[in-house]
Amino acid sequence: MSTDVSTAADRDPGAALRIAYSPCPNDTFVFDAWAHGRVPGAPALDVTFADIDVTNGMAERGELDVLKVSYAVLPWVLGEYALLPCGGALGRGCGPLVLAREPGLDLAGRTVAVPSERSTAYLLFRLWAADVLPDGVGKVVVLPFHEIMPAVRDGRVDAGLVIHEARFTYRDYGLHCLADMGEHWETTTGLPIPLGAIIARRSLGPETLRALAESARTSVRMAWDDPEASRPYVRAHAQELDPAVADQHIGLYVNEFTADLGEDGYAAVRGLLTRAAAEGLVPAVAPDALAFP
């Protein structure tokens, strides 16, 4: 597997498509069959593993052909990339959490670690804060998501915004949940929580984009049909995550919206970007920008 992050200009049409996604269990579960050539007729992939903050930056710089990114970064990249209608992460009961060492900590004036200022987690945090923290927080610092809980535990930051399997493990660090961003989102909108998106370069053309979407959809269905087949890939990249936690992670983040965004999924994405634009957090997105070729 490649770790090259060079730009995608002048790509050889016969070359493998360069893709970047995280080493988290949901992504390796979804892409296992495709990455290992088990999806019939699917384009070959040259895989880069990268944290979401890195892939968001790659998308903004126009690197690689296909990327897993935060939905929050879409307003900056939809000119060059199209949103695929499958392969990403949406759901219910799976939102980011704000954690602290002390239960009920007042966040006014505090330092909060976040996984990326362009992450959906941070956007949901800002929408939540606009409703419940009139005085705001003191300072936001960006850390790789796996460093956030240790930083909170060790007192290097006052609180942390966490994602992924941290929902299942934060108590092991002696931490307390101050607020659930997904719960706030679902309560105020009634929509599923949009987290991670799969995007592909528009210049690949409609035929290739449709082939990519079908390949992603087939790959996730193959993973559901034979979960054991993906286990070696998941475990190899799960950063020593307990297998039971990895299974919980997959069960929460890989769901019907991964196979197809559907009406509710698209409504959730539009709702997030519309609300965020109204708050001045992201640029407005054109009505047809999310349409798939």
C-alpha atoms as a PDB file:
ATOM      1  CA  MET A   1       0.000   0.000   0.000  1.00  0.00           C
ATOM      2  CA  SER A   2       1.290   3.421  -0.924  1.00  0.00           C
ATOM      3  CA  THR A   3       1.758   6.392   1.369  1.00  0.00           C
ATOM      4  CA  ASP A   4       2.429   8.799  -1.493  1.00  0.00           C
ATOM      5  CA  VAL A   5       0.548  12.112  -1.262  1.00  0.00           C
ATOM      6  CA  SER A   6       1.628  13.717  -4.540  1.00  0.00           C
ATOM      7  CA  THR A   7      -0.855  15.733  -6.572  1.00  0.00           C
ATOM      8  CA  ALA A   8      -3.250  14.043  -8.961  1.00  0.00           C
ATOM      9  CA  ALA A   9      -2.428  16.031 -12.086  1.00  0.00           C
ATOM     10  CA  ASP A  10      -1.835  14.123 -15.323  1.00  0.00           C
ATOM     11  CA  ARG A  11      -2.907  10.771 -13.891  1.00  0.00           C
ATOM     12  CA  ASP A  12      -2.358   7.813 -16.233  1.00  0.00           C
ATOM     13  CA  PRO A  13      -5.885   6.618 -17.157  1.00  0.00           C
ATOM     14  CA  GLY A  14      -4.729   3.010 -16.800  1.00  0.00           C
ATOM     15  CA  ALA A  15      -3.189   3.499 -13.352  1.00  0.00           C
ATOM     16  CA  ALA A  16      -4.787   2.519 -10.068  1.00  0.00           C
ATOM     17  CA  LEU A  17      -6.954   5.212  -8.549  1.00  0.00           C
ATOM     18  CA  ARG A  18      -5.269   6.907  -5.621  1.00  0.00           C
ATOM     19  CA  ILE A  19      -7.476   6.823  -2.544  1.00  0.00           C
ATOM     20  CA  ALA A  20      -7.002   7.958   1.048  1.00  0.00           C
ATOM     21  CA  TYR A  21      -9.020   6.833   4.043  1.00  0.00           C
ATOM     22  CA  SER A  22      -8.399   6.350   7.732  1.00  0.00           C
ATOM     23  CA  PRO A  23      -7.060   3.192   9.416  1.00  0.00           C
ATOM     24  CA  CYS A  24     -10.201   3.156  11.596  1.00  0.00           C
ATOM     25  CA  PRO A  25     -12.224  -0.080  11.642  1.00  0.00           C
ATOM     26  CA  ASN A  26     -15.225   1.311   9.778  1.00  0.00           C
ATOM     27  CA  ASP A  27     -13.098   2.396   6.799  1.00  0.00           C
ATOM     28  CA  THR A  28     -10.990  -0.762   6.599  1.00  0.00           C
ATOM     29  CA  PHE A  29     -14.154  -2.863   6.947  1.00  0.00           C
ATOM     30  CA  VAL A  30     -15.889  -0.959   4.121  1.00  0.00           C
ATOM     31  CA  PHE A  31     -12.926  -0.972   1.737  1.00  0.00           C
ATOM     32  CA  ASP A  32     -11.387  -4.371   2.498  1.00  0.00           C
ATOM     33  CA  ALA A  33     -12.919  -6.304  -0.412  1.00  0.00           C
ATOM     34  CA  TRP A  34     -12.265  -3.496  -2.898  1.00  0.00           C
ATOM     35  CA  ALA A  35      -8.705  -2.765  -1.742  1.00  0.00           C
ATOM     36  CA  HIS A  36      -7.830  -6.446  -2.050  1.00  0.00           C
ATOM     37  CA  GLY A  37      -9.261  -6.944  -5.533  1.00  0.00           C
ATOM     38  CA  ARG A  38     -12.278  -9.007  -4.521  1.00  0.00           C
ATOM     39  CA  VAL A  39     -14.921  -6.690  -6.025  1.00  0.00           C
ATOM     40  CA  PRO A  40     -15.563  -7.884  -9.602  1.00  0.00           C
ATOM     41  CA  GLY A  41     -14.811  -5.217 -12.199  1.00  0.00           C
ATOM     42  CA  ALA A  42     -13.884  -2.547  -9.647  1.00  0.00           C
ATOM     43  CA  PRO A  43     -11.095  -0.074 -10.480  1.00  0.00           C
ATOM     44  CA  ALA A  44      -7.783  -0.927  -8.809  1.00  0.00           C
ATOM     45  CA  LEU A  45      -6.876   1.178  -5.765  1.00  0.00           C
ATOM     46  CA  ASP A  46      -3.579   2.622  -4.536  1.00  0.00           C
ATOM     47  CA  VAL A  47      -4.335   3.201  -0.834  1.00  0.00           C
ATOM     48  CA  THR A  48      -2.983   5.867   1.507  1.00  0.00           C
ATOM     49  CA  PHE A  49      -3.906   5.685   5.196  1.00  0.00           C
ATOM     50  CA  ALA A  50      -4.283   9.072   6.852  1.00  0.00           C
ATOM     51  CA  ASP A  51      -6.049  10.771   9.743  1.00  0.00           C
ATOM     52  CA  ILE A  52      -9.161  12.749   8.819  1.00  0.00           C
ATOM     53  CA  ASP A  53      -7.415  16.092   9.338  1.00  0.00           C
ATOM     54  CA  VAL A  54      -4.834  15.014   6.745  1.00  0.00           C
ATOM     55  CA  THR A  55      -7.400  13.804   4.202  1.00  0.00           C
ATOM     56  CA  ASN A  56      -9.384  17.019   4.588  1.00  0.00           C
ATOM     57  CA  GLY A  57      -6.227  18.949   3.708  1.00  0.00           C
ATOM     58  CA  MET A  58      -5.532  16.654   0.754  1.00  0.00           C
ATOM     59  CA  ALA A  59      -8.998  17.373  -0.610  1.00  0.00           C
ATOM     60  CA  GLU A  60      -8.563  21.122  -0.239  1.00  0.00           C
ATOM     61  CA  ARG A  61      -5.272  20.912  -2.138  1.00  0.00           C
ATOM     62  CA  GLY A  62      -6.807  18.713  -4.847  1.00  0.00           C
ATOM     63  CA  GLU A  63      -4.629  15.673  -4.084  1.00  0.00           C
ATOM     64  CA  LEU A  64      -5.580  12.100  -4.956  1.00  0.00           C
ATOM     65  CA  ASP A  65      -8.568  10.756  -6.865  1.00  0.00           C
ATOM     66  CA  VAL A  66     -10.827   9.482  -4.066  1.00  0.00           C
ATOM     67  CA  LEU A  67     -10.855  10.507  -0.402  1.00  0.00           C
ATOM     68  CA  LYS A  68     -12.699   9.924   2.851  1.00  0.00           C
ATOM     69  CA  VAL A  69     -13.262  13.401   4.287  1.00  0.00           C
ATOM     70  CA  SER A  70     -15.399  15.237   6.790  1.00  0.00           C
ATOM     71  CA  TYR A  71     -18.761  16.421   5.500  1.00  0.00           C
ATOM     72  CA  ALA A  72     -17.773  19.791   6.945  1.00  0.00           C
ATOM     73  CA  VAL A  73     -15.063  20.234   4.315  1.00  0.00           C
ATOM     74  CA  LEU A  74     -17.455  19.822   1.355  1.00  0.00           C
ATOM     75  CA  PRO A  75     -18.118  23.553   0.837  1.00  0.00           C
ATOM     76  CA  TRP A  76     -14.429  24.020   0.008  1.00  0.00           C
ATOM     77  CA  VAL A  77     -14.000  21.023  -2.313  1.00  0.00           C
ATOM     78  CA  LEU A  78     -17.244  20.387  -4.225  1.00  0.00           C
ATOM     79  CA  GLY A  79     -15.990  22.344  -7.197  1.00  0.00           C
ATOM     80  CA  GLU A  80     -13.359  19.688  -7.887  1.00  0.00           C
ATOM     81  CA  TYR A  81     -14.842  16.639  -6.161  1.00  0.00           C
ATOM     82  CA  ALA A  82     -18.238  14.941  -6.313  1.00  0.00           C
ATOM     83  CA  LEU A  83     -19.924  13.403  -3.276  1.00  0.00           C
ATOM     84  CA  LEU A  84     -20.411   9.660  -3.707  1.00  0.00           C
ATOM     85  CA  PRO A  85     -23.820   8.426  -2.508  1.00  0.00           C
ATOM     86  CA  CYS A  86     -22.289   5.578  -0.488  1.00  0.00           C
ATOM     87  CA  GLY A  87     -19.245   4.428   1.467  1.00  0.00           C
ATOM     88  CA  GLY A  88     -19.308   7.157   4.096  1.00  0.00           C
ATOM     89  CA  ALA A  89     -20.400   7.423   7.725  1.00  0.00           C
ATOM     90  CA  LEU A  90     -23.768   8.701   8.897  1.00  0.00           C
ATOM     91  CA  GLY A  91     -25.973   7.330  11.600  1.00  0.00           C
ATOM     92  CA  ARG A  92     -27.876   7.758  14.830  1.00  0.00           C
ATOM     93  CA  GLY A  93     -26.475   7.647  18.323  1.00  0.00           C
ATOM     94  CA  CYS A  94     -22.948   7.976  16.949  1.00  0.00           C
ATOM     95  CA  GLY A  95     -22.078  11.642  17.334  1.00  0.00           C
ATOM     96  CA  PRO A  96     -18.924  13.232  18.758  1.00  0.00           C
ATOM     97  CA  LEU A  97     -18.635  13.697  22.528  1.00  0.00           C
ATOM     98  CA  VAL A  98     -17.138  16.477  24.639  1.00  0.00           C
ATOM     99  CA  LEU A  99     -15.104  14.922  27.470  1.00  0.00           C
ATOM    100  CA  ALA A 100     -13.475  16.306  30.597  1.00  0.00           C
ATOM    101  CA  ARG A 101     -11.864  15.043  33.804  1.00  0.00           C
ATOM    102  CA  GLU A 102     -14.562  16.706  35.897  1.00  0.00           C
ATOM    103  CA  PRO A 103     -18.294  16.054  35.414  1.00  0.00           C
ATOM    104  CA  GLY A 104     -20.256  19.201  34.647  1.00  0.00           C
ATOM    105  CA  LEU A 105     -17.182  21.314  33.841  1.00  0.00           C
ATOM    106  CA  ASP A 106     -18.046  24.835  32.643  1.00  0.00           C
ATOM    107  CA  LEU A 107     -16.321  25.228  29.265  1.00  0.00           C
ATOM    108  CA  ALA A 108     -16.357  29.039  29.284  1.00  0.00           C
ATOM    109  CA  GLY A 109     -12.787  30.203  28.811  1.00  0.00           C
ATOM    110  CA  ARG A 110     -11.444  26.648  28.680  1.00  0.00           C
ATOM    111  CA  THR A 111      -9.069  24.996  26.210  1.00  0.00           C
ATOM    112  CA  VAL A 112     -10.724  22.306  24.078  1.00  0.00           C
ATOM    113  CA  ALA A 113      -8.861  19.850  21.838  1.00  0.00           C
ATOM    114  CA  VAL A 114     -10.560  18.946  18.548  1.00  0.00           C
ATOM    115  CA  PRO A 115      -9.553  16.481  15.789  1.00  0.00           C
ATOM    116  CA  SER A 116      -9.685  19.086  12.999  1.00  0.00           C
ATOM    117  CA  GLU A 117     -11.060  22.580  12.531  1.00  0.00           C
ATOM    118  CA  ARG A 118     -12.566  21.368   9.262  1.00  0.00           C
ATOM    119  CA  SER A 119     -14.029  18.189  10.770  1.00  0.00           C
ATOM    120  CA  THR A 120     -17.744  17.505  10.986  1.00  0.00           C
ATOM    121  CA  ALA A 121     -17.191  16.910  14.701  1.00  0.00           C
ATOM    122  CA  TYR A 122     -15.951  20.476  15.111  1.00  0.00           C
ATOM    123  CA  LEU A 123     -18.808  21.851  13.014  1.00  0.00           C
ATOM    124  CA  LEU A 124     -21.351  19.996  15.172  1.00  0.00           C
ATOM    125  CA  PHE A 125     -19.503  21.309  18.246  1.00  0.00           C
ATOM    126  CA  ARG A 126     -19.765  24.882  16.974  1.00  0.00           C
ATOM    127  CA  LEU A 127     -23.478  24.507  16.216  1.00  0.00           C
ATOM    128  CA  TRP A 128     -23.992  23.045  19.712  1.00  0.00           C
ATOM    129  CA  ALA A 129     -21.923  25.803  21.322  1.00  0.00           C
ATOM    130  CA  ALA A 130     -23.924  28.481  19.490  1.00  0.00           C
ATOM    131  CA  ASP A 131     -27.032  27.118  21.238  1.00  0.00           C
ATOM    132  CA  VAL A 132     -25.716  26.370  24.737  1.00  0.00           C
ATOM    133  CA  LEU A 133     -22.446  28.286  25.303  1.00  0.00           C
ATOM    134  CA  PRO A 134     -23.205  31.994  24.808  1.00  0.00           C
ATOM    135  CA  ASP A 135     -19.740  32.983  26.057  1.00  0.00           C
ATOM    136  CA  GLY A 136     -17.947  30.362  23.938  1.00  0.00           C
ATOM    137  CA  VAL A 137     -14.784  28.485  24.874  1.00  0.00           C
ATOM    138  CA  GLY A 138     -11.405  30.006  25.503  1.00  0.00           C
ATOM    139  CA  LYS A 139      -9.143  28.266  23.011  1.00  0.00           C
ATOM    140  CA  VAL A 140      -9.351  25.440  20.501  1.00  0.00           C
ATOM    141  CA  VAL A 141      -6.314  23.297  19.671  1.00  0.00           C
ATOM    142  CA  VAL A 142      -6.097  20.601  16.995  1.00  0.00           C
ATOM    143  CA  LEU A 143      -4.731  17.165  17.940  1.00  0.00           C
ATOM    144  CA  PRO A 144      -4.847  13.786  16.167  1.00  0.00           C
ATOM    145  CA  PHE A 145      -7.975  12.104  17.499  1.00  0.00           C
ATOM    146  CA  HIS A 146      -6.053   9.303  19.259  1.00  0.00           C
ATOM    147  CA  GLU A 147      -4.098  11.898  21.283  1.00  0.00           C
ATOM    148  CA  ILE A 148      -7.113  13.802  22.595  1.00  0.00           C
ATOM    149  CA  MET A 149      -8.188  11.583  25.505  1.00  0.00           C
ATOM    150  CA  PRO A 150      -4.641  11.248  26.898  1.00  0.00           C
ATOM    151  CA  ALA A 151      -4.284  15.041  26.665  1.00  0.00           C
ATOM    152  CA  VAL A 152      -7.498  15.557  28.643  1.00  0.00           C
ATOM    153  CA  ARG A 153      -6.569  12.873  31.182  1.00  0.00           C
ATOM    154  CA  ASP A 154      -3.115  14.386  31.701  1.00  0.00           C
ATOM    155  CA  GLY A 155      -4.440  17.937  32.101  1.00  0.00           C
ATOM    156  CA  ARG A 156      -2.776  19.338  28.981  1.00  0.00           C
ATOM    157  CA  VAL A 157      -6.195  20.546  27.834  1.00  0.00           C
ATOM    158  CA  ASP A 158      -9.392  21.120  29.789  1.00  0.00           C
ATOM    159  CA  ALA A 159     -11.705  19.167  27.507  1.00  0.00           C
ATOM    160  CA  GLY A 160     -11.660  17.219  24.290  1.00  0.00           C
ATOM    161  CA  LEU A 161     -13.972  16.626  21.367  1.00  0.00           C
ATOM    162  CA  VAL A 162     -13.715  12.940  20.501  1.00  0.00           C
ATOM    163  CA  ILE A 163     -14.921  10.717  17.697  1.00  0.00           C
ATOM    164  CA  HIS A 164     -14.858   7.073  16.625  1.00  0.00           C
ATOM    165  CA  GLU A 165     -14.263   4.377  19.227  1.00  0.00           C
ATOM    166  CA  ALA A 166     -13.683   6.946  21.996  1.00  0.00           C
ATOM    167  CA  ARG A 167     -17.423   6.604  22.627  1.00  0.00           C
ATOM    168  CA  PHE A 168     -16.686   3.155  24.009  1.00  0.00           C
ATOM    169  CA  THR A 169     -13.361   3.754  25.757  1.00  0.00           C
ATOM    170  CA  TYR A 170     -13.394   7.207  27.379  1.00  0.00           C
ATOM    171  CA  ARG A 171     -14.270   5.804  30.821  1.00  0.00           C
ATOM    172  CA  ASP A 172     -11.025   3.823  30.725  1.00  0.00           C
ATOM    173  CA  TYR A 173      -9.250   7.194  30.849  1.00  0.00           C
ATOM    174  CA  GLY A 174     -11.254   8.332  33.884  1.00  0.00           C
ATOM    175  CA  LEU A 175     -13.116  10.906  31.794  1.00  0.00           C
ATOM    176  CA  HIS A 176     -16.693  12.163  31.881  1.00  0.00           C
ATOM    177  CA  CYS A 177     -19.015  13.070  29.028  1.00  0.00           C
ATOM    178  CA  LEU A 178     -20.116  16.710  29.191  1.00  0.00           C
ATOM    179  CA  ALA A 179     -22.253  16.665  26.060  1.00  0.00           C
ATOM    180  CA  ASP A 180     -23.168  14.520  23.059  1.00  0.00           C
ATOM    181  CA  MET A 181     -23.039  16.521  19.825  1.00  0.00           C
ATOM    182  CA  GLY A 182     -25.004  13.895  17.935  1.00  0.00           C
ATOM    183  CA  GLU A 183     -27.784  13.851  20.513  1.00  0.00           C
ATOM    184  CA  HIS A 184     -28.088  17.634  20.183  1.00  0.00           C
ATOM    185  CA  TRP A 185     -28.141  17.370  16.389  1.00  0.00           C
ATOM    186  CA  GLU A 186     -30.764  14.619  16.327  1.00  0.00           C
ATOM    187  CA  THR A 187     -32.938  16.392  18.906  1.00  0.00           C
ATOM    188  CA  THR A 188     -32.915  19.698  17.021  1.00  0.00           C
ATOM    189  CA  THR A 189     -33.225  18.306  13.478  1.00  0.00           C
ATOM    190  CA  GLY A 190     -34.633  14.788  13.650  1.00  0.00           C
ATOM    191  CA  LEU A 191     -32.005  13.806  11.069  1.00  0.00           C
ATOM    192  CA  PRO A 192     -29.163  11.271  11.161  1.00  0.00           C
ATOM    193  CA  ILE A 193     -25.697  12.568  11.992  1.00  0.00           C
ATOM    194  CA  PRO A 194     -23.490  13.199   8.937  1.00  0.00           C
ATOM    195  CA  LEU A 195     -19.852  12.463   9.779  1.00  0.00           C
ATOM    196  CA  GLY A 196     -17.577  11.209   6.980  1.00  0.00           C
ATOM    197  CA  ALA A 197     -18.046  11.412   3.213  1.00  0.00           C
ATOM    198  CA  ILE A 198     -16.468   9.687   0.233  1.00  0.00           C
ATOM    199  CA  ILE A 199     -15.598  12.078  -2.572  1.00  0.00           C
ATOM    200  CA  ALA A 200     -14.077  11.507  -6.010  1.00  0.00           C
ATOM    201  CA  ARG A 201     -12.548  13.814  -8.580  1.00  0.00           C
ATOM    202  CA  ARG A 202     -15.189  15.110 -11.027  1.00  0.00           C
ATOM    203  CA  SER A 203     -12.674  15.022 -13.869  1.00  0.00           C
ATOM    204  CA  LEU A 204     -12.766  11.205 -13.729  1.00  0.00           C
ATOM    205  CA  GLY A 205     -16.057  11.507 -15.597  1.00  0.00           C
ATOM    206  CA  PRO A 206     -19.593  10.275 -14.897  1.00  0.00           C
ATOM    207  CA  GLU A 207     -18.964   6.689 -15.996  1.00  0.00           C
ATOM    208  CA  THR A 208     -15.994   6.232 -13.663  1.00  0.00           C
ATOM    209  CA  LEU A 209     -17.774   8.003 -10.820  1.00  0.00           C
ATOM    210  CA  ARG A 210     -20.715   5.641 -11.137  1.00  0.00           C
ATOM    211  CA  ALA A 211     -18.310   2.679 -11.215  1.00  0.00           C
ATOM    212  CA  LEU A 212     -16.673   3.962  -8.033  1.00  0.00           C
ATOM    213  CA  ALA A 213     -20.018   4.276  -6.275  1.00  0.00           C
ATOM    214  CA  GLU A 214     -21.056   0.782  -7.302  1.00  0.00           C
ATOM    215  CA  SER A 215     -17.683  -0.614  -6.213  1.00  0.00           C
ATOM    216  CA  ALA A 216     -17.992   0.999  -2.776  1.00  0.00           C
ATOM    217  CA  ARG A 217     -21.549  -0.286  -2.403  1.00  0.00           C
ATOM    218  CA  THR A 218     -20.522  -3.808  -3.413  1.00  0.00           C
ATOM    219  CA  SER A 219     -17.499  -3.747  -1.104  1.00  0.00           C
ATOM    220  CA  VAL A 220     -19.570  -2.908   1.973  1.00  0.00           C
ATOM    221  CA  ARG A 221     -22.177  -5.533   1.119  1.00  0.00           C
ATOM    222  CA  MET A 222     -19.439  -8.137   0.719  1.00  0.00           C
ATOM    223  CA  ALA A 223     -18.115  -7.149   4.144  1.00  0.00           C
ATOM    224  CA  TRP A 224     -21.560  -7.609   5.653  1.00  0.00           C
ATOM    225  CA  ASP A 225     -21.982 -10.972   3.936  1.00  0.00           C
ATOM    226  CA  ASP A 226     -18.641 -12.291   5.231  1.00  0.00           C
ATOM    227  CA  PRO A 227     -17.416 -10.219   8.211  1.00  0.00           C
ATOM    228  CA  GLU A 228     -14.572 -12.652   8.935  1.00  0.00           C
ATOM    229  CA  ALA A 229     -12.942 -11.869   5.587  1.00  0.00           C
ATOM    230  CA  SER A 230     -12.226  -8.276   6.633  1.00  0.00           C
ATOM    231  CA  ARG A 231     -10.898  -9.043  10.122  1.00  0.00           C
ATOM    232  CA  PRO A 232      -7.183  -9.314   9.213  1.00  0.00           C
ATOM    233  CA  TYR A 233      -7.297  -5.926   7.437  1.00  0.00           C
ATOM    234  CA  VAL A 234      -9.251  -4.300  10.256  1.00  0.00           C
ATOM    235  CA  ARG A 235      -6.948  -5.660  12.953  1.00  0.00           C
ATOM    236  CA  ALA A 236      -3.772  -4.782  11.055  1.00  0.00           C
ATOM    237  CA  HIS A 237      -4.688  -1.093  11.072  1.00  0.00           C
ATOM    238  CA  ALA A 238      -6.748  -0.693  14.257  1.00  0.00           C
ATOM    239  CA  GLN A 239      -3.894   0.770  16.336  1.00  0.00           C
ATOM    240  CA  GLU A 240      -4.021  -2.026  18.916  1.00  0.00           C
ATOM    241  CA  LEU A 241      -7.746  -1.510  19.424  1.00  0.00           C
ATOM    242  CA  ASP A 242      -9.481  -4.297  21.341  1.00  0.00           C
ATOM    243  CA  PRO A 243     -11.275  -6.554  18.809  1.00  0.00           C
ATOM    244  CA  ALA A 244     -14.572  -6.221  20.685  1.00  0.00           C
ATOM    245  CA  VAL A 245     -14.337  -2.416  20.523  1.00  0.00           C
ATOM    246  CA  ALA A 246     -13.484  -2.613  16.820  1.00  0.00           C
ATOM    247  CA  ASP A 247     -16.639  -4.659  16.283  1.00  0.00           C
ATOM    248  CA  GLN A 248     -18.694  -2.071  18.195  1.00  0.00           C
ATOM    249  CA  HIS A 249     -17.123   0.658  16.099  1.00  0.00           C
ATOM    250  CA  ILE A 250     -18.057  -1.105  12.854  1.00  0.00           C
ATOM    251  CA  GLY A 251     -21.573  -1.859  14.069  1.00  0.00           C
ATOM    252  CA  LEU A 252     -22.194   1.798  14.890  1.00  0.00           C
ATOM    253  CA  TYR A 253     -20.631   3.531  11.884  1.00  0.00           C
ATOM    254  CA  VAL A 254     -21.303   1.058   9.057  1.00  0.00           C
ATOM    255  CA  ASN A 255     -25.057   0.978   8.455  1.00  0.00           C
ATOM    256  CA  GLU A 256     -27.718   1.472   5.800  1.00  0.00           C
ATOM    257  CA  PHE A 257     -26.426   4.969   5.037  1.00  0.00           C
ATOM    258  CA  THR A 258     -23.028   3.461   4.141  1.00  0.00           C
ATOM    259  CA  ALA A 259     -24.677   1.436   1.377  1.00  0.00           C
ATOM    260  CA  ASP A 260     -26.806   4.368   0.192  1.00  0.00           C
ATOM    261  CA  LEU A 261     -27.269   7.886   1.555  1.00  0.00           C
ATOM    262  CA  GLY A 262     -30.916   7.831   0.569  1.00  0.00           C
ATOM    263  CA  GLU A 263     -33.373  10.659   1.138  1.00  0.00           C
ATOM    264  CA  ASP A 264     -32.644  11.008   4.871  1.00  0.00           C
ATOM    265  CA  GLY A 265     -28.888  10.954   4.330  1.00  0.00           C
ATOM    266  CA  TYR A 266     -28.956  13.714   1.732  1.00  0.00           C
ATOM    267  CA  ALA A 267     -31.340  15.719   3.925  1.00  0.00           C
ATOM    268  CA  ALA A 268     -28.872  15.410   6.811  1.00  0.00           C
ATOM    269  CA  VAL A 269     -25.956  16.626   4.689  1.00  0.00           C
ATOM    270  CA  ARG A 270     -27.947  19.536   3.260  1.00  0.00           C
ATOM    271  CA  GLY A 271     -29.198  20.396   6.744  1.00  0.00           C
ATOM    272  CA  LEU A 272     -25.702  20.440   8.210  1.00  0.00           C
ATOM    273  CA  LEU A 273     -24.248  22.626   5.487  1.00  0.00           C
ATOM    274  CA  THR A 274     -27.261  24.967   5.412  1.00  0.00           C
ATOM    275  CA  ARG A 275     -27.241  25.470   9.181  1.00  0.00           C
ATOM    276  CA  ALA A 276     -23.484  25.980   9.226  1.00  0.00           C
ATOM    277  CA  ALA A 277     -23.652  28.515   6.380  1.00  0.00           C
ATOM    278  CA  ALA A 278     -26.417  30.402   8.200  1.00  0.00           C
ATOM    279  CA  GLU A 279     -24.113  30.666  11.233  1.00  0.00           C
ATOM    280  CA  GLY A 280     -21.272  31.895   9.012  1.00  0.00           C
ATOM    281  CA  LEU A 281     -19.188  28.791   9.696  1.00  0.00           C
ATOM    282  CA  VAL A 282     -18.839  27.581   6.086  1.00  0.00           C
ATOM    283  CA  PRO A 283     -19.423  29.045   2.621  1.00  0.00           C
ATOM    284  CA  ALA A 284     -22.897  28.483   1.173  1.00  0.00           C
ATOM    285  CA  VAL A 285     -23.221  25.460  -1.118  1.00  0.00           C
ATOM    286  CA  ALA A 286     -25.084  25.659  -4.444  1.00  0.00           C
ATOM    287  CA  PRO A 287     -28.393  23.705  -4.511  1.00  0.00           C
ATOM    288  CA  ASP A 288     -27.119  21.159  -7.059  1.00  0.00           C
ATOM    289  CA  ALA A 289     -23.591  20.783  -5.628  1.00  0.00           C
ATOM    290  CA  LEU A 290     -24.419  17.494  -3.877  1.00  0.00           C
ATOM    291  CA  ALA A 291     -26.029  15.927  -6.949  1.00  0.00           C
ATOM    292  CA  PHE A 292     -24.308  12.748  -8.125  1.00  0.00           C
ATOM    293  CA  PRO A 293     -23.607  12.472 -11.878  1.00  0.00           C
END
